[in-house]
Amino acid sequence: MNANAFRHYGNMMIDHVANYWESLRERKPLPDVKPGSISKLIPQDPPTMGEPWEKIFNDIDKVVINGNTHWQHPKFFAYFPTRTSYQAIMGDILNGGLASVGFSWASSPSMTEVEMSMTNWLAKAIELPAEFLNTKNGCGIGIIQNGASDATYIAILAARGRAIEV
C-alpha cells in the first residue's frame, strides 16, 4: 500500500467507524450468534494472494461487526466500562502511525516528556501535593499503564518489592 492508497482507505475506515457509531442505538448490544457461527464465515485456508480492500471492508461488517459485542452501545453495562471517544481513536491512529516504543527518555523523548506533563496535569487537577509533580523537588505521580491488567500487575510487583525490602 502506498501513501495515496493509505489516505483513501484510511478515510473509508474513518467513515466506516463513524457510521458504525451512528448506528449503535439501532443495534442490539449483544450479537445474535452461536459459538462457531463466525468461524464458518472465514475460509479455512488463507488466501494465496492479497485481497482488495473493498472485500476486506465487506468482511468487517459481515464477520466482525455483525458478530461483535457492542461495548460502546448505550445499553451495554457488562464487565467493566470501556468507553472511548473519537478523540481517543484519533490518538490510536497517531500511535499506530508513529509505531514508537516509549520505554525510556532515550527511546522516545517526546513520549516521555508528554507523559510526564500529562501526569503533572492529573496531579494538579486532583490537587495532589507538590511532591507528586515531575519536578526537581518531586518524584512524580508515576507512569501511565496501557490497561487495568498491566496496572494491577505493576502494583503487585511494587508491593512485593516493598515487602521484600522490609
N, C-alpha and C. Protein backbone atom coordinates (compact mmCIF):
# COMPACT_ATOMS: atom_id res chain seq x y z
N MET A 1 0.86 -1.17 0.00
CA MET A 1 0.00 0.00 0.00
C MET A 1 0.90 1.23 0.00
N ASN A 2 0.58 2.18 -0.84
CA ASN A 2 1.34 3.43 -0.85
C ASN A 2 0.59 4.50 -0.06
N ALA A 3 1.18 5.68 0.04
CA ALA A 3 0.60 6.75 0.86
C ALA A 3 -0.77 7.18 0.34
N ASN A 4 -0.96 7.25 -0.97
CA ASN A 4 -2.26 7.66 -1.52
C ASN A 4 -3.34 6.64 -1.21
N ALA A 5 -3.03 5.36 -1.34
CA ALA A 5 -4.00 4.31 -1.00
C ALA A 5 -4.29 4.34 0.50
N PHE A 6 -3.26 4.58 1.31
CA PHE A 6 -3.45 4.68 2.75
C PHE A 6 -4.43 5.81 3.08
N ARG A 7 -4.25 6.96 2.45
CA ARG A 7 -5.17 8.08 2.68
C ARG A 7 -6.59 7.70 2.26
N HIS A 8 -6.72 7.12 1.08
CA HIS A 8 -8.04 6.75 0.56
C HIS A 8 -8.75 5.76 1.48
N TYR A 9 -8.09 4.64 1.75
CA TYR A 9 -8.72 3.60 2.57
C TYR A 9 -8.79 4.01 4.04
N GLY A 10 -7.86 4.83 4.49
CA GLY A 10 -7.94 5.36 5.85
C GLY A 10 -9.18 6.22 6.03
N ASN A 11 -9.48 7.07 5.05
CA ASN A 11 -10.70 7.88 5.10
C ASN A 11 -11.93 6.99 5.06
N MET A 12 -11.88 5.94 4.24
CA MET A 12 -13.00 4.99 4.20
C MET A 12 -13.20 4.33 5.56
N MET A 13 -12.10 3.97 6.23
CA MET A 13 -12.20 3.32 7.53
C MET A 13 -12.78 4.28 8.57
N ILE A 14 -12.33 5.54 8.55
CA ILE A 14 -12.87 6.52 9.49
C ILE A 14 -14.37 6.70 9.25
N ASP A 15 -14.79 6.80 7.98
CA ASP A 15 -16.22 6.88 7.68
C ASP A 15 -16.96 5.64 8.17
N HIS A 16 -16.35 4.49 8.00
CA HIS A 16 -16.95 3.22 8.44
C HIS A 16 -17.17 3.23 9.96
N VAL A 17 -16.16 3.65 10.69
CA VAL A 17 -16.26 3.71 12.16
C VAL A 17 -17.31 4.74 12.57
N ALA A 18 -17.30 5.92 11.94
CA ALA A 18 -18.29 6.95 12.28
C ALA A 18 -19.71 6.44 11.99
N ASN A 19 -19.90 5.78 10.86
CA ASN A 19 -21.22 5.21 10.54
C ASN A 19 -21.62 4.14 11.55
N TYR A 20 -20.66 3.33 11.97
CA TYR A 20 -20.93 2.31 12.99
C TYR A 20 -21.42 2.98 14.28
N TRP A 21 -20.70 4.00 14.72
CA TRP A 21 -21.09 4.67 15.96
C TRP A 21 -22.47 5.30 15.84
N GLU A 22 -22.77 5.88 14.67
CA GLU A 22 -24.08 6.49 14.48
C GLU A 22 -25.19 5.44 14.47
N SER A 23 -24.87 4.19 14.17
CA SER A 23 -25.88 3.13 14.11
C SER A 23 -26.02 2.35 15.41
N LEU A 24 -25.24 2.66 16.43
CA LEU A 24 -25.24 1.85 17.65
C LEU A 24 -26.61 1.73 18.29
N ARG A 25 -27.35 2.82 18.39
CA ARG A 25 -28.66 2.78 19.05
C ARG A 25 -29.65 1.86 18.32
N GLU A 26 -29.42 1.64 17.03
CA GLU A 26 -30.30 0.78 16.25
C GLU A 26 -29.94 -0.70 16.40
N ARG A 27 -28.81 -0.98 16.98
CA ARG A 27 -28.33 -2.36 17.13
C ARG A 27 -28.68 -2.89 18.52
N LYS A 28 -28.64 -4.21 18.65
CA LYS A 28 -28.73 -4.83 19.97
C LYS A 28 -27.32 -4.82 20.55
N PRO A 29 -27.18 -4.65 21.87
CA PRO A 29 -25.84 -4.65 22.46
C PRO A 29 -25.07 -5.95 22.23
N LEU A 30 -25.77 -7.08 22.24
CA LEU A 30 -25.13 -8.39 22.05
C LEU A 30 -25.53 -8.97 20.71
N PRO A 31 -24.60 -9.64 20.03
CA PRO A 31 -24.93 -10.22 18.73
C PRO A 31 -25.79 -11.47 18.89
N ASP A 32 -26.56 -11.76 17.87
CA ASP A 32 -27.38 -12.97 17.85
C ASP A 32 -26.60 -14.04 17.08
N VAL A 33 -25.61 -14.62 17.74
CA VAL A 33 -24.75 -15.63 17.11
C VAL A 33 -24.57 -16.80 18.06
N LYS A 34 -24.21 -17.92 17.49
CA LYS A 34 -23.91 -19.13 18.26
C LYS A 34 -22.41 -19.41 18.15
N PRO A 35 -21.83 -20.11 19.14
CA PRO A 35 -20.41 -20.45 19.02
C PRO A 35 -20.12 -21.20 17.72
N GLY A 36 -19.09 -20.76 17.03
CA GLY A 36 -18.69 -21.38 15.77
C GLY A 36 -19.30 -20.74 14.53
N SER A 37 -20.35 -19.93 14.70
CA SER A 37 -21.02 -19.36 13.52
C SER A 37 -20.14 -18.34 12.80
N ILE A 38 -19.31 -17.63 13.52
CA ILE A 38 -18.42 -16.64 12.89
C ILE A 38 -17.28 -17.35 12.17
N SER A 39 -16.75 -18.39 12.77
CA SER A 39 -15.67 -19.16 12.12
C SER A 39 -16.10 -19.70 10.77
N LYS A 40 -17.39 -20.03 10.63
CA LYS A 40 -17.90 -20.55 9.35
C LYS A 40 -17.85 -19.49 8.25
N LEU A 41 -17.80 -18.22 8.62
CA LEU A 41 -17.74 -17.14 7.63
C LEU A 41 -16.32 -16.89 7.12
N ILE A 42 -15.34 -17.51 7.77
CA ILE A 42 -13.94 -17.30 7.42
C ILE A 42 -13.43 -18.54 6.68
N PRO A 43 -12.79 -18.34 5.52
CA PRO A 43 -12.25 -19.51 4.81
C PRO A 43 -11.28 -20.29 5.70
N GLN A 44 -11.28 -21.60 5.55
CA GLN A 44 -10.38 -22.43 6.36
C GLN A 44 -8.92 -22.24 5.98
N ASP A 45 -8.67 -21.94 4.73
CA ASP A 45 -7.29 -21.75 4.27
C ASP A 45 -7.04 -20.27 3.99
N PRO A 46 -5.83 -19.81 4.26
CA PRO A 46 -5.53 -18.40 3.99
C PRO A 46 -5.51 -18.13 2.49
N PRO A 47 -5.79 -16.89 2.10
CA PRO A 47 -5.73 -16.58 0.66
C PRO A 47 -4.31 -16.71 0.14
N THR A 48 -4.20 -17.13 -1.10
CA THR A 48 -2.86 -17.25 -1.71
C THR A 48 -2.39 -15.92 -2.26
N MET A 49 -3.30 -14.99 -2.46
CA MET A 49 -2.98 -13.64 -2.94
C MET A 49 -3.69 -12.64 -2.04
N GLY A 50 -3.15 -11.43 -2.01
CA GLY A 50 -3.82 -10.38 -1.25
C GLY A 50 -5.21 -10.10 -1.80
N GLU A 51 -6.09 -9.64 -0.94
CA GLU A 51 -7.46 -9.36 -1.36
C GLU A 51 -7.66 -7.85 -1.48
N PRO A 52 -8.56 -7.42 -2.34
CA PRO A 52 -8.83 -5.98 -2.45
C PRO A 52 -9.46 -5.45 -1.17
N TRP A 53 -9.16 -4.20 -0.86
CA TRP A 53 -9.68 -3.61 0.36
C TRP A 53 -11.20 -3.58 0.39
N GLU A 54 -11.84 -3.46 -0.76
CA GLU A 54 -13.30 -3.45 -0.79
C GLU A 54 -13.86 -4.75 -0.20
N LYS A 55 -13.24 -5.89 -0.51
CA LYS A 55 -13.67 -7.17 0.06
C LYS A 55 -13.43 -7.19 1.56
N ILE A 56 -12.30 -6.64 1.97
CA ILE A 56 -11.99 -6.59 3.41
C ILE A 56 -13.03 -5.74 4.14
N PHE A 57 -13.43 -4.61 3.54
CA PHE A 57 -14.46 -3.78 4.17
C PHE A 57 -15.77 -4.54 4.29
N ASN A 58 -16.13 -5.33 3.29
CA ASN A 58 -17.35 -6.15 3.40
C ASN A 58 -17.22 -7.15 4.54
N ASP A 59 -16.05 -7.74 4.70
CA ASP A 59 -15.82 -8.69 5.79
C ASP A 59 -15.91 -8.02 7.15
N ILE A 60 -15.54 -6.75 7.23
CA ILE A 60 -15.62 -6.04 8.51
C ILE A 60 -17.05 -6.08 9.02
N ASP A 61 -18.01 -5.77 8.17
CA ASP A 61 -19.41 -5.81 8.59
C ASP A 61 -19.89 -7.24 8.79
N LYS A 62 -19.70 -8.06 7.78
CA LYS A 62 -20.25 -9.42 7.79
C LYS A 62 -19.66 -10.28 8.90
N VAL A 63 -18.35 -10.21 9.10
CA VAL A 63 -17.68 -11.10 10.05
C VAL A 63 -17.49 -10.45 11.41
N VAL A 64 -17.00 -9.23 11.43
CA VAL A 64 -16.61 -8.61 12.70
C VAL A 64 -17.77 -7.88 13.37
N ILE A 65 -18.31 -6.86 12.72
CA ILE A 65 -19.30 -6.00 13.38
C ILE A 65 -20.59 -6.75 13.69
N ASN A 66 -21.09 -7.53 12.75
CA ASN A 66 -22.35 -8.24 12.99
C ASN A 66 -22.22 -9.33 14.05
N GLY A 67 -21.02 -9.78 14.34
CA GLY A 67 -20.82 -10.80 15.37
C GLY A 67 -20.16 -10.25 16.62
N ASN A 68 -20.14 -8.94 16.75
CA ASN A 68 -19.41 -8.30 17.84
C ASN A 68 -20.33 -7.89 18.99
N THR A 69 -19.83 -7.97 20.21
CA THR A 69 -20.49 -7.34 21.34
C THR A 69 -20.18 -5.85 21.23
N HIS A 70 -21.21 -5.04 21.27
CA HIS A 70 -21.04 -3.60 21.05
C HIS A 70 -20.81 -2.89 22.38
N TRP A 71 -19.55 -2.86 22.79
CA TRP A 71 -19.16 -2.30 24.08
C TRP A 71 -19.48 -0.82 24.20
N GLN A 72 -19.60 -0.12 23.09
CA GLN A 72 -19.91 1.31 23.13
C GLN A 72 -21.41 1.58 23.09
N HIS A 73 -22.21 0.52 23.02
CA HIS A 73 -23.67 0.67 22.96
C HIS A 73 -24.16 1.31 24.26
N PRO A 74 -25.10 2.25 24.17
CA PRO A 74 -25.58 2.92 25.39
C PRO A 74 -26.28 1.99 26.38
N LYS A 75 -26.67 0.79 25.95
CA LYS A 75 -27.33 -0.15 26.86
C LYS A 75 -26.45 -1.33 27.24
N PHE A 76 -25.15 -1.23 26.99
CA PHE A 76 -24.24 -2.32 27.36
C PHE A 76 -23.54 -1.94 28.66
N PHE A 77 -23.79 -2.71 29.72
CA PHE A 77 -23.23 -2.40 31.04
C PHE A 77 -22.46 -3.57 31.65
N ALA A 78 -22.14 -4.60 30.89
CA ALA A 78 -21.48 -5.78 31.44
C ALA A 78 -19.98 -5.54 31.64
N TYR A 79 -19.38 -6.41 32.39
CA TYR A 79 -17.94 -6.47 32.62
C TYR A 79 -17.43 -5.21 33.31
N PHE A 80 -16.88 -4.27 32.56
CA PHE A 80 -16.33 -3.04 33.12
C PHE A 80 -16.43 -1.96 32.06
N PRO A 81 -16.43 -0.69 32.48
CA PRO A 81 -16.59 0.39 31.49
C PRO A 81 -15.36 0.51 30.59
N THR A 82 -15.61 0.61 29.30
CA THR A 82 -14.51 0.75 28.33
C THR A 82 -14.84 1.83 27.32
N ARG A 83 -15.54 2.82 27.73
CA ARG A 83 -15.94 3.86 26.79
C ARG A 83 -14.73 4.50 26.13
N THR A 84 -14.92 4.89 24.89
CA THR A 84 -13.87 5.59 24.16
C THR A 84 -14.51 6.80 23.49
N SER A 85 -13.76 7.49 22.68
CA SER A 85 -14.25 8.70 22.02
C SER A 85 -13.58 8.83 20.66
N TYR A 86 -14.13 9.70 19.85
CA TYR A 86 -13.48 9.97 18.56
C TYR A 86 -12.06 10.49 18.78
N GLN A 87 -11.87 11.31 19.82
CA GLN A 87 -10.54 11.84 20.11
C GLN A 87 -9.56 10.71 20.44
N ALA A 88 -10.02 9.73 21.21
CA ALA A 88 -9.15 8.60 21.56
C ALA A 88 -8.79 7.78 20.33
N ILE A 89 -9.75 7.63 19.42
CA ILE A 89 -9.48 6.89 18.18
C ILE A 89 -8.43 7.63 17.36
N MET A 90 -8.52 8.95 17.30
CA MET A 90 -7.52 9.73 16.57
C MET A 90 -6.14 9.53 17.22
N GLY A 91 -6.10 9.47 18.55
CA GLY A 91 -4.84 9.18 19.23
C GLY A 91 -4.31 7.81 18.88
N ASP A 92 -5.21 6.82 18.76
CA ASP A 92 -4.79 5.48 18.36
C ASP A 92 -4.20 5.47 16.95
N ILE A 93 -4.79 6.27 16.06
CA ILE A 93 -4.25 6.36 14.70
C ILE A 93 -2.84 6.93 14.74
N LEU A 94 -2.65 8.00 15.50
CA LEU A 94 -1.31 8.60 15.62
C LEU A 94 -0.33 7.61 16.24
N ASN A 95 -0.75 6.94 17.31
CA ASN A 95 0.10 5.96 17.97
C ASN A 95 0.52 4.85 17.01
N GLY A 96 -0.43 4.31 16.28
CA GLY A 96 -0.12 3.26 15.32
C GLY A 96 0.76 3.76 14.19
N GLY A 97 0.52 4.99 13.77
CA GLY A 97 1.31 5.56 12.67
C GLY A 97 2.75 5.84 13.05
N LEU A 98 2.96 6.29 14.29
CA LEU A 98 4.33 6.54 14.74
C LEU A 98 5.05 5.25 15.07
N ALA A 99 4.32 4.29 15.62
CA ALA A 99 4.87 2.98 15.98
C ALA A 99 6.14 3.11 16.81
N SER A 100 6.14 4.07 17.73
CA SER A 100 7.29 4.26 18.61
C SER A 100 7.13 3.41 19.87
N VAL A 101 8.23 3.12 20.50
CA VAL A 101 8.22 2.40 21.77
C VAL A 101 8.83 3.34 22.80
N GLY A 102 8.00 3.83 23.70
CA GLY A 102 8.45 4.84 24.65
C GLY A 102 8.74 4.28 26.03
N PHE A 103 9.71 3.38 26.13
CA PHE A 103 10.01 2.80 27.44
C PHE A 103 11.03 3.60 28.23
N SER A 104 11.65 4.59 27.61
CA SER A 104 12.61 5.45 28.32
C SER A 104 12.73 6.76 27.56
N TRP A 105 13.37 7.74 28.19
CA TRP A 105 13.55 9.02 27.53
C TRP A 105 14.38 8.84 26.26
N ALA A 106 15.43 8.05 26.30
CA ALA A 106 16.29 7.87 25.13
C ALA A 106 15.53 7.22 23.97
N SER A 107 14.59 6.33 24.27
CA SER A 107 13.86 5.65 23.20
C SER A 107 12.82 6.56 22.57
N SER A 108 12.33 7.53 23.32
CA SER A 108 11.34 8.46 22.78
C SER A 108 11.20 9.66 23.71
N PRO A 109 12.04 10.68 23.51
CA PRO A 109 11.98 11.87 24.37
C PRO A 109 10.59 12.51 24.42
N SER A 110 9.94 12.66 23.27
CA SER A 110 8.64 13.34 23.27
C SER A 110 7.59 12.53 24.04
N MET A 111 7.57 11.21 23.86
CA MET A 111 6.60 10.40 24.61
C MET A 111 6.82 10.53 26.11
N THR A 112 8.07 10.46 26.53
CA THR A 112 8.39 10.53 27.95
C THR A 112 7.97 11.87 28.53
N GLU A 113 8.32 12.95 27.85
CA GLU A 113 8.04 14.27 28.42
C GLU A 113 6.57 14.64 28.32
N VAL A 114 5.87 14.19 27.27
CA VAL A 114 4.43 14.42 27.21
C VAL A 114 3.74 13.64 28.32
N GLU A 115 4.16 12.39 28.56
CA GLU A 115 3.57 11.60 29.64
C GLU A 115 3.81 12.27 30.99
N MET A 116 5.01 12.78 31.21
CA MET A 116 5.30 13.46 32.47
C MET A 116 4.43 14.71 32.62
N SER A 117 4.25 15.45 31.55
CA SER A 117 3.40 16.64 31.60
C SER A 117 1.95 16.27 31.88
N MET A 118 1.47 15.19 31.25
CA MET A 118 0.08 14.78 31.46
C MET A 118 -0.15 14.29 32.90
N THR A 119 0.82 13.58 33.46
CA THR A 119 0.65 13.15 34.85
C THR A 119 0.74 14.36 35.79
N ASN A 120 1.51 15.37 35.43
CA ASN A 120 1.51 16.61 36.21
C ASN A 120 0.14 17.28 36.15
N TRP A 121 -0.44 17.32 34.96
CA TRP A 121 -1.78 17.90 34.83
C TRP A 121 -2.77 17.14 35.70
N LEU A 122 -2.69 15.80 35.70
CA LEU A 122 -3.59 15.00 36.52
C LEU A 122 -3.39 15.30 38.00
N ALA A 123 -2.14 15.35 38.43
CA ALA A 123 -1.84 15.64 39.84
C ALA A 123 -2.41 17.00 40.25
N LYS A 124 -2.28 17.98 39.38
CA LYS A 124 -2.82 19.31 39.68
C LYS A 124 -4.34 19.30 39.67
N ALA A 125 -4.94 18.58 38.72
CA ALA A 125 -6.40 18.53 38.60
C ALA A 125 -7.04 17.92 39.84
N ILE A 126 -6.37 16.94 40.45
CA ILE A 126 -6.95 16.31 41.65
C ILE A 126 -6.29 16.82 42.92
N GLU A 127 -5.56 17.93 42.76
CA GLU A 127 -4.97 18.67 43.88
C GLU A 127 -4.07 17.82 44.77
N LEU A 128 -3.19 17.05 44.15
CA LEU A 128 -2.20 16.30 44.92
C LEU A 128 -1.10 17.25 45.39
N PRO A 129 -0.40 16.91 46.46
CA PRO A 129 0.71 17.74 46.92
C PRO A 129 1.81 17.86 45.87
N ALA A 130 2.64 18.89 45.99
CA ALA A 130 3.68 19.20 45.00
C ALA A 130 4.67 18.06 44.79
N GLU A 131 4.89 17.22 45.81
CA GLU A 131 5.86 16.12 45.63
C GLU A 131 5.39 15.09 44.60
N PHE A 132 4.13 15.16 44.20
CA PHE A 132 3.63 14.26 43.16
C PHE A 132 3.89 14.78 41.76
N LEU A 133 4.46 15.97 41.64
CA LEU A 133 4.77 16.53 40.32
C LEU A 133 6.14 16.07 39.86
N ASN A 134 6.30 15.93 38.57
CA ASN A 134 7.59 15.61 37.98
C ASN A 134 8.41 16.90 37.92
N THR A 135 9.14 17.17 38.98
CA THR A 135 9.97 18.37 39.07
C THR A 135 11.27 18.01 39.75
N LYS A 136 12.13 19.01 39.94
CA LYS A 136 13.38 18.78 40.67
C LYS A 136 13.11 18.32 42.10
N ASN A 137 12.03 18.82 42.69
CA ASN A 137 11.73 18.51 44.09
C ASN A 137 10.70 17.39 44.26
N GLY A 138 10.12 16.94 43.18
CA GLY A 138 9.09 15.90 43.28
C GLY A 138 9.47 14.68 42.48
N CYS A 139 9.01 13.53 42.96
CA CYS A 139 9.35 12.27 42.27
C CYS A 139 8.34 11.91 41.19
N GLY A 140 7.25 12.64 41.11
CA GLY A 140 6.26 12.37 40.08
C GLY A 140 5.16 11.45 40.54
N ILE A 141 4.07 11.47 39.81
CA ILE A 141 2.88 10.69 40.16
C ILE A 141 3.00 9.24 39.71
N GLY A 142 3.89 8.96 38.78
CA GLY A 142 4.04 7.59 38.28
C GLY A 142 4.03 7.58 36.77
N ILE A 143 3.63 6.45 36.21
CA ILE A 143 3.57 6.32 34.76
C ILE A 143 2.20 5.81 34.35
N ILE A 144 1.85 6.05 33.12
CA ILE A 144 0.56 5.62 32.60
C ILE A 144 0.70 4.19 32.07
N GLN A 145 -0.15 3.30 32.55
CA GLN A 145 -0.15 1.92 32.07
C GLN A 145 -1.15 1.79 30.93
N ASN A 146 -1.01 0.78 30.11
CA ASN A 146 -1.89 0.64 28.95
C ASN A 146 -3.20 -0.06 29.26
N GLY A 147 -3.43 -0.47 30.48
CA GLY A 147 -4.70 -1.10 30.82
C GLY A 147 -4.75 -1.50 32.28
N ALA A 148 -5.93 -1.91 32.71
CA ALA A 148 -6.14 -2.28 34.11
C ALA A 148 -5.31 -3.49 34.51
N SER A 149 -5.18 -4.46 33.63
CA SER A 149 -4.41 -5.66 33.97
C SER A 149 -2.94 -5.33 34.20
N ASP A 150 -2.36 -4.54 33.30
CA ASP A 150 -0.96 -4.15 33.48
C ASP A 150 -0.78 -3.31 34.74
N ALA A 151 -1.70 -2.39 34.99
CA ALA A 151 -1.60 -1.55 36.17
C ALA A 151 -1.66 -2.38 37.45
N THR A 152 -2.56 -3.37 37.48
CA THR A 152 -2.66 -4.25 38.65
C THR A 152 -1.39 -5.05 38.83
N TYR A 153 -0.86 -5.58 37.74
CA TYR A 153 0.39 -6.35 37.79
C TYR A 153 1.54 -5.50 38.33
N ILE A 154 1.67 -4.28 37.84
CA ILE A 154 2.74 -3.39 38.31
C ILE A 154 2.56 -3.07 39.79
N ALA A 155 1.31 -2.86 40.22
CA ALA A 155 1.05 -2.58 41.64
C ALA A 155 1.45 -3.77 42.51
N ILE A 156 1.16 -4.98 42.05
CA ILE A 156 1.54 -6.18 42.80
C ILE A 156 3.05 -6.32 42.87
N LEU A 157 3.74 -6.07 41.75
CA LEU A 157 5.21 -6.12 41.75
C LEU A 157 5.80 -5.09 42.71
N ALA A 158 5.23 -3.89 42.70
CA ALA A 158 5.73 -2.84 43.60
C ALA A 158 5.50 -3.23 45.06
N ALA A 159 4.32 -3.78 45.37
CA ALA A 159 4.03 -4.21 46.74
C ALA A 159 4.97 -5.33 47.16
N ARG A 160 5.20 -6.28 46.28
CA ARG A 160 6.13 -7.37 46.58
C ARG A 160 7.53 -6.83 46.83
N GLY A 161 7.97 -5.93 45.97
CA GLY A 161 9.29 -5.32 46.15
C GLY A 161 9.42 -4.59 47.47
N ARG A 162 8.38 -3.88 47.84
CA ARG A 162 8.40 -3.16 49.11
C ARG A 162 8.42 -4.14 50.28
N ALA A 163 7.65 -5.23 50.19
CA ALA A 163 7.61 -6.23 51.27
C ALA A 163 8.96 -6.92 51.42
N ILE A 164 9.64 -7.19 50.32
CA ILE A 164 10.95 -7.84 50.38
C ILE A 164 11.98 -6.92 51.02
N GLU A 165 11.88 -5.62 50.74
CA GLU A 165 12.82 -4.65 51.32
C GLU A 165 12.69 -4.56 52.83
N VAL A 166 11.49 -4.75 53.35
CA VAL A 166 11.22 -4.60 54.78
C VAL A 166 11.68 -5.77 55.54
